[in-house]
Amino acid sequence: MKHACALLILLVSARMACAQAPGVPVYSEGRGARPNAVLTDQAKKLQAASELLSMTKALEQAQRTQCVIALPAADSKPLSPRERWQRARMAHLRVGQLYLCSKCDKWHLDLSGGYALTADGTVATCAHVIAPPPSMKEGWLVAATEDDVILPVIEVLACNAATDCAILRVKSDRPLTPLPLSLDVSPGDAVWCFSDPGGKRGYFSEGIVSRFVKRPFMTKKEAGKLPEGTELPKPVWLETTTDWAPGSSGSALVDQFGNAVGHVSEIQTVLEESLPARKRKNEATVSQQLGTQIVFHQAIGAVEILALVKKP
């Protein structure tokens, strides 16, 4: 009886010591947590060793409109929920800039999302993710794995700012876990996103595709800079009920087979309209706080990344 009680205590203690399944990370948050400190130190060492791609060079290379890479074929075998999470997590990379700030003269590491396209180092993300921050004095492109290892970005292979797509090449000592691209997606299909919304690491959300939309990504000001007569590009968007937030940009939207059907690009919030002045009974005492009616989560379709790729 004593042995049985001792065994039960050991089993309970083991479960309390590790609340999650094997291989599941527990992210540190709260006071004292400095998630980017280690990564910033790694990136600064690589920059000092001249192993990072400068933003000056990156912007020159971003003029390339196509590249030649061999993409894996789309998968058709459904994955279990855990397998789907694991594939999305292993393919996920954080992409952004190590830069010297013109305002505070300090180093910053600004990372969003991306995902591996091939095992040998090609990575997809948003074009706006690799755009220089407004306060950048000088900067360098970097990527980071889920295991907190900085990977140097060595080249921008192709980019289209009008469709918010970019393909990079990173240097890695081990093969990446790629996500095949798939265009076989329909409203009603379930989709998942592994990203870092608002800096909250490793958030995995589920939703469905709501509809497809074709509209410009460029603002009126940006469109006004196009040569006269240029047709305004209108990328294909997937609107979904999947959750994401700033910091998720560039992260893959995966289907039940573990294929990427798009990547996070925008959020549009629809707010209540304030009451017209003529309907207000007492302007001095009536105050209306605007509330959110709906939030549209919008991803760029995988077809736009495919448009950057020439067949080898």
C-alpha atoms as a PDB file:
ATOM      1  CA  MET A   1       0.000   0.000   0.000  1.00  0.00           C
ATOM      2  CA  LYS A   2       2.850   2.355   0.864  1.00  0.00           C
ATOM      3  CA  HIS A   3       4.510   1.636  -2.489  1.00  0.00           C
ATOM      4  CA  ALA A   4       1.262   2.328  -4.349  1.00  0.00           C
ATOM      5  CA  CYS A   5       0.824   5.662  -2.557  1.00  0.00           C
ATOM      6  CA  ALA A   6       4.412   6.641  -3.273  1.00  0.00           C
ATOM      7  CA  LEU A   7       3.975   5.820  -6.974  1.00  0.00           C
ATOM      8  CA  LEU A   8       0.780   7.871  -7.115  1.00  0.00           C
ATOM      9  CA  ILE A   9       2.556  10.851  -5.517  1.00  0.00           C
ATOM     10  CA  LEU A  10       5.392  10.585  -8.034  1.00  0.00           C
ATOM     11  CA  LEU A  11       2.954  10.482 -10.968  1.00  0.00           C
ATOM     12  CA  VAL A  12       1.013  13.489  -9.691  1.00  0.00           C
ATOM     13  CA  SER A  13       4.274  15.397  -9.061  1.00  0.00           C
ATOM     14  CA  ALA A  14       5.492  14.622 -12.590  1.00  0.00           C
ATOM     15  CA  ARG A  15       2.252  15.901 -14.104  1.00  0.00           C
ATOM     16  CA  MET A  16       2.402  19.069 -12.006  1.00  0.00           C
ATOM     17  CA  ALA A  17       6.032  19.651 -12.992  1.00  0.00           C
ATOM     18  CA  CYS A  18       5.200  19.528 -16.712  1.00  0.00           C
ATOM     19  CA  ALA A  19       1.665  20.634 -17.594  1.00  0.00           C
ATOM     20  CA  GLN A  20       2.095  20.305 -21.371  1.00  0.00           C
ATOM     21  CA  ALA A  21       2.766  17.442 -23.781  1.00  0.00           C
ATOM     22  CA  PRO A  22       6.381  16.621 -24.737  1.00  0.00           C
ATOM     23  CA  GLY A  23       7.878  19.115 -27.195  1.00  0.00           C
ATOM     24  CA  VAL A  24       5.400  21.887 -26.385  1.00  0.00           C
ATOM     25  CA  PRO A  25       7.163  25.161 -25.478  1.00  0.00           C
ATOM     26  CA  VAL A  26       6.151  27.378 -22.576  1.00  0.00           C
ATOM     27  CA  TYR A  27       6.740  31.053 -23.405  1.00  0.00           C
ATOM     28  CA  SER A  28       7.959  33.498 -20.763  1.00  0.00           C
ATOM     29  CA  GLU A  29       5.964  36.680 -20.246  1.00  0.00           C
ATOM     30  CA  GLY A  30       5.477  39.307 -17.582  1.00  0.00           C
ATOM     31  CA  ARG A  31       7.860  41.345 -15.473  1.00  0.00           C
ATOM     32  CA  GLY A  32      11.512  40.573 -16.073  1.00  0.00           C
ATOM     33  CA  ALA A  33      10.894  38.778 -19.376  1.00  0.00           C
ATOM     34  CA  ARG A  34      13.094  40.105 -22.186  1.00  0.00           C
ATOM     35  CA  PRO A  35      12.217  37.875 -25.157  1.00  0.00           C
ATOM     36  CA  ASN A  36      14.226  39.863 -27.709  1.00  0.00           C
ATOM     37  CA  ALA A  37      17.340  40.523 -25.626  1.00  0.00           C
ATOM     38  CA  VAL A  38      19.117  37.276 -26.554  1.00  0.00           C
ATOM     39  CA  LEU A  39      18.125  37.627 -30.207  1.00  0.00           C
ATOM     40  CA  THR A  40      19.324  41.227 -30.327  1.00  0.00           C
ATOM     41  CA  ASP A  41      22.729  40.198 -28.975  1.00  0.00           C
ATOM     42  CA  GLN A  42      22.994  37.424 -31.585  1.00  0.00           C
ATOM     43  CA  ALA A  43      22.013  39.805 -34.375  1.00  0.00           C
ATOM     44  CA  LYS A  44      24.506  42.477 -33.266  1.00  0.00           C
ATOM     45  CA  LYS A  45      27.326  39.905 -33.308  1.00  0.00           C
ATOM     46  CA  LEU A  46      26.375  38.834 -36.839  1.00  0.00           C
ATOM     47  CA  GLN A  47      26.219  42.464 -37.928  1.00  0.00           C
ATOM     48  CA  ALA A  48      29.649  43.130 -36.467  1.00  0.00           C
ATOM     49  CA  ALA A  49      30.936  40.133 -38.450  1.00  0.00           C
ATOM     50  CA  SER A  50      29.391  41.576 -41.678  1.00  0.00           C
ATOM     51  CA  GLU A  51      27.084  38.566 -42.073  1.00  0.00           C
ATOM     52  CA  LEU A  52      23.802  40.488 -42.358  1.00  0.00           C
ATOM     53  CA  LEU A  53      22.185  42.040 -45.423  1.00  0.00           C
ATOM     54  CA  SER A  54      22.072  45.823 -45.124  1.00  0.00           C
ATOM     55  CA  MET A  55      18.740  47.530 -45.705  1.00  0.00           C
ATOM     56  CA  THR A  56      20.382  49.607 -48.436  1.00  0.00           C
ATOM     57  CA  LYS A  57      21.261  46.448 -50.359  1.00  0.00           C
ATOM     58  CA  ALA A  58      17.936  44.803 -49.494  1.00  0.00           C
ATOM     59  CA  LEU A  59      15.969  47.689 -50.988  1.00  0.00           C
ATOM     60  CA  GLU A  60      18.020  47.447 -54.189  1.00  0.00           C
ATOM     61  CA  GLN A  61      17.322  43.711 -54.435  1.00  0.00           C
ATOM     62  CA  ALA A  62      13.617  44.286 -53.683  1.00  0.00           C
ATOM     63  CA  GLN A  63      13.303  45.648 -57.242  1.00  0.00           C
ATOM     64  CA  ARG A  64      13.514  42.053 -58.488  1.00  0.00           C
ATOM     65  CA  THR A  65      10.088  40.846 -59.565  1.00  0.00           C
ATOM     66  CA  GLN A  66      10.672  37.094 -59.970  1.00  0.00           C
ATOM     67  CA  CYS A  67      12.979  34.298 -58.871  1.00  0.00           C
ATOM     68  CA  VAL A  68      13.603  30.655 -59.748  1.00  0.00           C
ATOM     69  CA  ILE A  69      13.062  28.176 -56.913  1.00  0.00           C
ATOM     70  CA  ALA A  70      11.778  24.597 -56.771  1.00  0.00           C
ATOM     71  CA  LEU A  71       8.674  24.507 -54.583  1.00  0.00           C
ATOM     72  CA  PRO A  72       7.407  21.322 -52.924  1.00  0.00           C
ATOM     73  CA  ALA A  73       4.122  19.874 -54.182  1.00  0.00           C
ATOM     74  CA  ALA A  74       0.974  20.519 -52.150  1.00  0.00           C
ATOM     75  CA  ASP A  75       0.083  17.814 -49.614  1.00  0.00           C
ATOM     76  CA  SER A  76      -3.283  16.039 -49.627  1.00  0.00           C
ATOM     77  CA  LYS A  77      -3.102  13.965 -46.435  1.00  0.00           C
ATOM     78  CA  PRO A  78      -5.068  15.531 -43.561  1.00  0.00           C
ATOM     79  CA  LEU A  79      -3.008  16.248 -40.450  1.00  0.00           C
ATOM     80  CA  SER A  80      -4.103  15.784 -36.866  1.00  0.00           C
ATOM     81  CA  PRO A  81      -4.506  19.011 -34.845  1.00  0.00           C
ATOM     82  CA  ARG A  82      -1.153  18.443 -33.122  1.00  0.00           C
ATOM     83  CA  GLU A  83       0.608  17.638 -36.393  1.00  0.00           C
ATOM     84  CA  ARG A  84      -0.863  20.758 -37.979  1.00  0.00           C
ATOM     85  CA  TRP A  85       0.309  22.948 -35.101  1.00  0.00           C
ATOM     86  CA  GLN A  86       3.765  21.367 -35.183  1.00  0.00           C
ATOM     87  CA  ARG A  87       4.219  21.876 -38.936  1.00  0.00           C
ATOM     88  CA  ALA A  88       3.005  25.482 -38.774  1.00  0.00           C
ATOM     89  CA  ARG A  89       5.293  26.163 -35.813  1.00  0.00           C
ATOM     90  CA  MET A  90       8.392  24.581 -37.363  1.00  0.00           C
ATOM     91  CA  ALA A  91       7.850  26.428 -40.667  1.00  0.00           C
ATOM     92  CA  HIS A  92       7.295  29.756 -38.910  1.00  0.00           C
ATOM     93  CA  LEU A  93      10.096  32.292 -38.818  1.00  0.00           C
ATOM     94  CA  ARG A  94      10.224  35.810 -37.445  1.00  0.00           C
ATOM     95  CA  VAL A  95      11.443  38.294 -40.043  1.00  0.00           C
ATOM     96  CA  GLY A  96      12.410  41.945 -39.676  1.00  0.00           C
ATOM     97  CA  GLN A  97      15.203  44.388 -38.992  1.00  0.00           C
ATOM     98  CA  LEU A  98      18.007  44.974 -36.563  1.00  0.00           C
ATOM     99  CA  TYR A  99      18.382  48.736 -36.700  1.00  0.00           C
ATOM    100  CA  LEU A 100      19.923  51.758 -35.052  1.00  0.00           C
ATOM    101  CA  CYS A 101      17.187  54.185 -34.064  1.00  0.00           C
ATOM    102  CA  SER A 102      17.426  57.797 -35.238  1.00  0.00           C
ATOM    103  CA  LYS A 103      15.318  58.963 -32.279  1.00  0.00           C
ATOM    104  CA  CYS A 104      16.984  57.298 -29.284  1.00  0.00           C
ATOM    105  CA  ASP A 105      20.279  56.137 -30.840  1.00  0.00           C
ATOM    106  CA  LYS A 106      19.690  52.620 -29.471  1.00  0.00           C
ATOM    107  CA  TRP A 107      19.539  49.228 -31.174  1.00  0.00           C
ATOM    108  CA  HIS A 108      16.088  47.750 -31.853  1.00  0.00           C
ATOM    109  CA  LEU A 109      14.971  44.375 -33.157  1.00  0.00           C
ATOM    110  CA  ASP A 110      11.622  44.642 -34.958  1.00  0.00           C
ATOM    111  CA  LEU A 111      10.236  41.246 -35.978  1.00  0.00           C
ATOM    112  CA  SER A 112       7.020  40.076 -37.640  1.00  0.00           C
ATOM    113  CA  GLY A 113       6.248  36.759 -39.356  1.00  0.00           C
ATOM    114  CA  GLY A 114       7.343  34.627 -42.276  1.00  0.00           C
ATOM    115  CA  TYR A 115       7.331  30.973 -43.344  1.00  0.00           C
ATOM    116  CA  ALA A 116       9.724  28.606 -45.069  1.00  0.00           C
ATOM    117  CA  LEU A 117       9.017  27.796 -48.717  1.00  0.00           C
ATOM    118  CA  THR A 118      11.900  25.360 -49.265  1.00  0.00           C
ATOM    119  CA  ALA A 119      14.206  23.387 -47.009  1.00  0.00           C
ATOM    120  CA  ASP A 120      17.305  25.112 -48.411  1.00  0.00           C
ATOM    121  CA  GLY A 121      16.476  28.558 -47.043  1.00  0.00           C
ATOM    122  CA  THR A 122      13.833  30.411 -49.070  1.00  0.00           C
ATOM    123  CA  VAL A 123      11.280  32.233 -46.939  1.00  0.00           C
ATOM    124  CA  ALA A 124       8.060  34.084 -47.791  1.00  0.00           C
ATOM    125  CA  THR A 125       6.738  37.122 -45.953  1.00  0.00           C
ATOM    126  CA  CYS A 126       4.977  40.438 -46.558  1.00  0.00           C
ATOM    127  CA  ALA A 127       6.675  43.171 -48.539  1.00  0.00           C
ATOM    128  CA  HIS A 128       5.738  45.605 -45.767  1.00  0.00           C
ATOM    129  CA  VAL A 129       7.582  43.421 -43.229  1.00  0.00           C
ATOM    130  CA  ILE A 130      10.915  44.074 -44.942  1.00  0.00           C
ATOM    131  CA  ALA A 131      10.243  47.799 -45.450  1.00  0.00           C
ATOM    132  CA  PRO A 132      12.520  50.006 -43.296  1.00  0.00           C
ATOM    133  CA  PRO A 133      11.004  51.427 -40.082  1.00  0.00           C
ATOM    134  CA  PRO A 134      10.474  55.229 -40.148  1.00  0.00           C
ATOM    135  CA  SER A 135      12.981  55.779 -37.304  1.00  0.00           C
ATOM    136  CA  MET A 136      15.756  53.652 -38.831  1.00  0.00           C
ATOM    137  CA  LYS A 137      19.144  55.337 -39.080  1.00  0.00           C
ATOM    138  CA  GLU A 138      20.787  52.210 -40.482  1.00  0.00           C
ATOM    139  CA  GLY A 139      19.592  48.634 -40.463  1.00  0.00           C
ATOM    140  CA  TRP A 140      19.980  45.002 -41.523  1.00  0.00           C
ATOM    141  CA  LEU A 141      17.520  42.247 -42.407  1.00  0.00           C
ATOM    142  CA  VAL A 142      17.343  39.235 -40.095  1.00  0.00           C
ATOM    143  CA  ALA A 143      15.206  36.182 -39.442  1.00  0.00           C
ATOM    144  CA  ALA A 144      14.766  34.098 -36.295  1.00  0.00           C
ATOM    145  CA  THR A 145      13.633  30.520 -35.715  1.00  0.00           C
ATOM    146  CA  GLU A 146      11.111  29.384 -33.129  1.00  0.00           C
ATOM    147  CA  ASP A 147      14.102  28.069 -31.154  1.00  0.00           C
ATOM    148  CA  ASP A 148      15.449  31.626 -30.810  1.00  0.00           C
ATOM    149  CA  VAL A 149      18.306  31.349 -33.280  1.00  0.00           C
ATOM    150  CA  ILE A 150      19.040  34.337 -35.523  1.00  0.00           C
ATOM    151  CA  LEU A 151      19.401  33.450 -39.208  1.00  0.00           C
ATOM    152  CA  PRO A 152      21.089  35.986 -41.491  1.00  0.00           C
ATOM    153  CA  VAL A 153      18.994  37.101 -44.449  1.00  0.00           C
ATOM    154  CA  ILE A 154      21.487  36.971 -47.303  1.00  0.00           C
ATOM    155  CA  GLU A 155      19.307  38.009 -50.258  1.00  0.00           C
ATOM    156  CA  VAL A 156      15.944  39.369 -51.333  1.00  0.00           C
ATOM    157  CA  LEU A 157      15.018  37.063 -54.214  1.00  0.00           C
ATOM    158  CA  ALA A 158      11.796  38.752 -55.328  1.00  0.00           C
ATOM    159  CA  CYS A 159       9.334  41.324 -54.074  1.00  0.00           C
ATOM    160  CA  ASN A 160       6.084  43.022 -55.067  1.00  0.00           C
ATOM    161  CA  ALA A 161       5.057  45.853 -52.765  1.00  0.00           C
ATOM    162  CA  ALA A 162       1.728  46.183 -54.618  1.00  0.00           C
ATOM    163  CA  THR A 163       0.697  42.638 -53.631  1.00  0.00           C
ATOM    164  CA  ASP A 164       2.488  42.679 -50.247  1.00  0.00           C
ATOM    165  CA  CYS A 165       4.683  39.672 -51.065  1.00  0.00           C
ATOM    166  CA  ALA A 166       8.402  39.018 -50.724  1.00  0.00           C
ATOM    167  CA  ILE A 167      10.679  36.001 -50.982  1.00  0.00           C
ATOM    168  CA  LEU A 168      13.998  35.982 -49.127  1.00  0.00           C
ATOM    169  CA  ARG A 169      16.908  33.618 -48.742  1.00  0.00           C
ATOM    170  CA  VAL A 170      18.283  32.947 -45.273  1.00  0.00           C
ATOM    171  CA  LYS A 171      21.435  31.156 -44.185  1.00  0.00           C
ATOM    172  CA  SER A 172      20.747  28.175 -41.943  1.00  0.00           C
ATOM    173  CA  ASP A 173      22.957  25.369 -40.638  1.00  0.00           C
ATOM    174  CA  ARG A 174      20.072  22.928 -40.841  1.00  0.00           C
ATOM    175  CA  PRO A 175      17.169  22.383 -43.284  1.00  0.00           C
ATOM    176  CA  LEU A 176      14.043  24.450 -42.775  1.00  0.00           C
ATOM    177  CA  THR A 177      10.564  22.916 -42.565  1.00  0.00           C
ATOM    178  CA  PRO A 178       8.774  24.189 -45.683  1.00  0.00           C
ATOM    179  CA  LEU A 179       5.062  24.726 -46.230  1.00  0.00           C
ATOM    180  CA  PRO A 180       3.823  23.766 -49.705  1.00  0.00           C
ATOM    181  CA  LEU A 181       1.618  26.364 -51.379  1.00  0.00           C
ATOM    182  CA  SER A 182      -1.953  25.483 -52.308  1.00  0.00           C
ATOM    183  CA  LEU A 183      -4.681  27.266 -54.274  1.00  0.00           C
ATOM    184  CA  ASP A 184      -7.329  24.637 -53.480  1.00  0.00           C
ATOM    185  CA  VAL A 185      -9.227  26.676 -50.911  1.00  0.00           C
ATOM    186  CA  SER A 186     -12.860  27.749 -50.618  1.00  0.00           C
ATOM    187  CA  PRO A 187     -15.104  29.731 -48.282  1.00  0.00           C
ATOM    188  CA  GLY A 188     -16.072  27.432 -45.429  1.00  0.00           C
ATOM    189  CA  ASP A 189     -12.674  25.715 -45.336  1.00  0.00           C
ATOM    190  CA  ALA A 190     -10.958  25.652 -41.966  1.00  0.00           C
ATOM    191  CA  VAL A 191      -7.646  27.504 -41.740  1.00  0.00           C
ATOM    192  CA  TRP A 192      -5.093  28.037 -38.971  1.00  0.00           C
ATOM    193  CA  CYS A 193      -2.448  30.653 -38.228  1.00  0.00           C
ATOM    194  CA  PHE A 194       0.671  30.361 -36.046  1.00  0.00           C
ATOM    195  CA  SER A 195       1.985  33.847 -35.278  1.00  0.00           C
ATOM    196  CA  ASP A 196       3.107  36.332 -32.640  1.00  0.00           C
ATOM    197  CA  PRO A 197       0.238  38.857 -32.360  1.00  0.00           C
ATOM    198  CA  GLY A 198       1.215  41.889 -30.317  1.00  0.00           C
ATOM    199  CA  GLY A 199       4.477  40.172 -29.420  1.00  0.00           C
ATOM    200  CA  LYS A 200       2.612  37.249 -27.797  1.00  0.00           C
ATOM    201  CA  ARG A 201       4.748  34.316 -28.922  1.00  0.00           C
ATOM    202  CA  GLY A 202       3.394  31.164 -30.482  1.00  0.00           C
ATOM    203  CA  TYR A 203      -0.323  31.949 -30.759  1.00  0.00           C
ATOM    204  CA  PHE A 204      -2.162  29.292 -32.797  1.00  0.00           C
ATOM    205  CA  SER A 205      -5.655  30.264 -33.939  1.00  0.00           C
ATOM    206  CA  GLU A 206      -8.391  28.578 -35.954  1.00  0.00           C
ATOM    207  CA  GLY A 207     -11.082  29.967 -38.221  1.00  0.00           C
ATOM    208  CA  ILE A 208     -12.674  29.565 -41.616  1.00  0.00           C
ATOM    209  CA  VAL A 209     -12.277  31.319 -44.954  1.00  0.00           C
ATOM    210  CA  SER A 210     -15.151  33.808 -45.187  1.00  0.00           C
ATOM    211  CA  ARG A 211     -14.749  35.095 -48.745  1.00  0.00           C
ATOM    212  CA  PHE A 212     -12.319  36.121 -51.486  1.00  0.00           C
ATOM    213  CA  VAL A 213     -11.808  39.779 -52.359  1.00  0.00           C
ATOM    214  CA  LYS A 214      -9.822  41.526 -55.072  1.00  0.00           C
ATOM    215  CA  ARG A 215      -8.805  45.073 -54.154  1.00  0.00           C
ATOM    216  CA  PRO A 216      -5.696  47.296 -54.119  1.00  0.00           C
ATOM    217  CA  PHE A 217      -3.160  46.991 -51.314  1.00  0.00           C
ATOM    218  CA  MET A 218      -1.565  50.328 -52.184  1.00  0.00           C
ATOM    219  CA  THR A 219      -2.823  53.579 -50.678  1.00  0.00           C
ATOM    220  CA  LYS A 220      -4.055  56.408 -52.915  1.00  0.00           C
ATOM    221  CA  LYS A 221      -0.820  58.279 -52.225  1.00  0.00           C
ATOM    222  CA  GLU A 222       1.293  55.274 -53.277  1.00  0.00           C
ATOM    223  CA  ALA A 223      -0.882  54.638 -56.332  1.00  0.00           C
ATOM    224  CA  GLY A 224      -0.456  58.290 -57.341  1.00  0.00           C
ATOM    225  CA  LYS A 225       3.283  57.715 -57.707  1.00  0.00           C
ATOM    226  CA  LEU A 226       2.786  55.044 -60.374  1.00  0.00           C
ATOM    227  CA  PRO A 227       3.571  56.015 -63.988  1.00  0.00           C
ATOM    228  CA  GLU A 228       0.582  57.449 -65.812  1.00  0.00           C
ATOM    229  CA  GLY A 229      -1.517  54.740 -67.393  1.00  0.00           C
ATOM    230  CA  THR A 230      -0.250  51.995 -65.056  1.00  0.00           C
ATOM    231  CA  GLU A 231      -2.997  49.580 -64.063  1.00  0.00           C
ATOM    232  CA  LEU A 232      -3.411  49.519 -60.279  1.00  0.00           C
ATOM    233  CA  PRO A 233      -2.546  46.016 -59.034  1.00  0.00           C
ATOM    234  CA  LYS A 234      -5.353  44.284 -57.152  1.00  0.00           C
ATOM    235  CA  PRO A 235      -4.147  41.199 -55.289  1.00  0.00           C
ATOM    236  CA  VAL A 236      -6.450  38.367 -54.242  1.00  0.00           C
ATOM    237  CA  TRP A 237      -7.286  38.459 -50.534  1.00  0.00           C
ATOM    238  CA  LEU A 238      -8.687  35.748 -48.277  1.00  0.00           C
ATOM    239  CA  GLU A 239     -10.892  37.126 -45.514  1.00  0.00           C
ATOM    240  CA  THR A 240     -11.033  34.762 -42.556  1.00  0.00           C
ATOM    241  CA  THR A 241     -12.350  34.454 -39.012  1.00  0.00           C
ATOM    242  CA  THR A 242      -8.877  33.409 -37.819  1.00  0.00           C
ATOM    243  CA  ASP A 243      -7.368  35.680 -35.151  1.00  0.00           C
ATOM    244  CA  TRP A 244      -4.232  37.754 -35.610  1.00  0.00           C
ATOM    245  CA  ALA A 245      -2.926  41.211 -34.764  1.00  0.00           C
ATOM    246  CA  PRO A 246       0.032  43.540 -35.481  1.00  0.00           C
ATOM    247  CA  GLY A 247       3.137  41.372 -35.298  1.00  0.00           C
ATOM    248  CA  SER A 248       1.414  38.537 -37.197  1.00  0.00           C
ATOM    249  CA  SER A 249       2.110  40.029 -40.638  1.00  0.00           C
ATOM    250  CA  GLY A 250       3.786  37.582 -43.009  1.00  0.00           C
ATOM    251  CA  SER A 251       2.751  34.503 -41.020  1.00  0.00           C
ATOM    252  CA  ALA A 252       1.274  31.612 -42.977  1.00  0.00           C
ATOM    253  CA  LEU A 253      -2.377  30.679 -43.150  1.00  0.00           C
ATOM    254  CA  VAL A 254      -2.429  26.870 -43.336  1.00  0.00           C
ATOM    255  CA  ASP A 255      -5.099  24.386 -44.374  1.00  0.00           C
ATOM    256  CA  GLN A 256      -5.942  20.969 -42.905  1.00  0.00           C
ATOM    257  CA  PHE A 257      -3.113  19.374 -44.920  1.00  0.00           C
ATOM    258  CA  GLY A 258      -0.433  21.778 -43.696  1.00  0.00           C
ATOM    259  CA  ASN A 259      -0.263  23.763 -46.953  1.00  0.00           C
ATOM    260  CA  ALA A 260       0.037  27.555 -46.963  1.00  0.00           C
ATOM    261  CA  VAL A 261      -2.998  29.093 -48.679  1.00  0.00           C
ATOM    262  CA  GLY A 262      -1.960  32.667 -47.921  1.00  0.00           C
ATOM    263  CA  HIS A 263      -0.229  34.900 -45.406  1.00  0.00           C
ATOM    264  CA  VAL A 264      -1.342  37.553 -42.914  1.00  0.00           C
ATOM    265  CA  SER A 265      -1.373  41.071 -44.329  1.00  0.00           C
ATOM    266  CA  GLU A 266      -4.010  43.369 -42.809  1.00  0.00           C
ATOM    267  CA  ILE A 267      -6.756  43.930 -40.274  1.00  0.00           C
ATOM    268  CA  GLN A 268      -9.718  46.202 -40.956  1.00  0.00           C
ATOM    269  CA  THR A 269     -11.917  47.294 -38.065  1.00  0.00           C
ATOM    270  CA  VAL A 270     -15.455  48.541 -38.686  1.00  0.00           C
ATOM    271  CA  LEU A 271     -16.562  51.011 -36.016  1.00  0.00           C
ATOM    272  CA  GLU A 272     -19.957  52.413 -35.124  1.00  0.00           C
ATOM    273  CA  GLU A 273     -20.654  55.774 -36.689  1.00  0.00           C
ATOM    274  CA  SER A 274     -21.242  58.662 -34.325  1.00  0.00           C
ATOM    275  CA  LEU A 275     -24.753  60.109 -34.239  1.00  0.00           C
ATOM    276  CA  PRO A 276     -25.300  63.036 -36.623  1.00  0.00           C
ATOM    277  CA  ALA A 277     -25.289  66.359 -34.807  1.00  0.00           C
ATOM    278  CA  ARG A 278     -28.930  67.039 -35.710  1.00  0.00           C
ATOM    279  CA  LYS A 279     -29.994  63.898 -33.833  1.00  0.00           C
ATOM    280  CA  ARG A 280     -28.186  64.722 -30.628  1.00  0.00           C
ATOM    281  CA  LYS A 281     -30.594  66.003 -28.016  1.00  0.00           C
ATOM    282  CA  ASN A 282     -28.029  67.672 -25.812  1.00  0.00           C
ATOM    283  CA  GLU A 283     -24.532  68.232 -27.234  1.00  0.00           C
ATOM    284  CA  ALA A 284     -23.191  69.202 -23.803  1.00  0.00           C
ATOM    285  CA  THR A 285     -24.315  66.052 -22.014  1.00  0.00           C
ATOM    286  CA  VAL A 286     -24.564  63.387 -24.686  1.00  0.00           C
ATOM    287  CA  SER A 287     -21.318  61.549 -25.350  1.00  0.00           C
ATOM    288  CA  GLN A 288     -21.086  58.491 -27.543  1.00  0.00           C
ATOM    289  CA  GLN A 289     -18.130  56.145 -27.394  1.00  0.00           C
ATOM    290  CA  LEU A 290     -17.569  54.354 -30.683  1.00  0.00           C
ATOM    291  CA  GLY A 291     -17.567  50.570 -30.480  1.00  0.00           C
ATOM    292  CA  THR A 292     -16.183  47.863 -32.757  1.00  0.00           C
ATOM    293  CA  GLN A 293     -18.808  46.176 -34.899  1.00  0.00           C
ATOM    294  CA  ILE A 294     -16.608  43.665 -36.727  1.00  0.00           C
ATOM    295  CA  VAL A 295     -12.933  42.997 -37.457  1.00  0.00           C
ATOM    296  CA  PHE A 296     -11.917  41.696 -40.893  1.00  0.00           C
ATOM    297  CA  HIS A 297      -8.766  39.550 -40.931  1.00  0.00           C
ATOM    298  CA  GLN A 298      -7.280  39.685 -44.398  1.00  0.00           C
ATOM    299  CA  ALA A 299      -4.588  37.452 -45.879  1.00  0.00           C
ATOM    300  CA  ILE A 300      -2.843  37.691 -49.236  1.00  0.00           C
ATOM    301  CA  GLY A 301      -3.613  34.570 -51.278  1.00  0.00           C
ATOM    302  CA  ALA A 302      -0.830  32.087 -52.060  1.00  0.00           C
ATOM    303  CA  VAL A 303      -1.400  32.812 -55.748  1.00  0.00           C
ATOM    304  CA  GLU A 304       0.446  36.116 -55.268  1.00  0.00           C
ATOM    305  CA  ILE A 305       3.557  34.404 -53.870  1.00  0.00           C
ATOM    306  CA  LEU A 306       3.394  31.947 -56.783  1.00  0.00           C
ATOM    307  CA  ALA A 307       3.385  34.920 -59.141  1.00  0.00           C
ATOM    308  CA  LEU A 308       6.899  35.766 -57.920  1.00  0.00           C
ATOM    309  CA  VAL A 309       8.216  32.289 -58.789  1.00  0.00           C
ATOM    310  CA  LYS A 310       9.419  31.131 -62.182  1.00  0.00           C
ATOM    311  CA  LYS A 311       9.430  27.401 -62.786  1.00  0.00           C
ATOM    312  CA  PRO A 312      13.036  26.063 -62.787  1.00  0.00           C
END
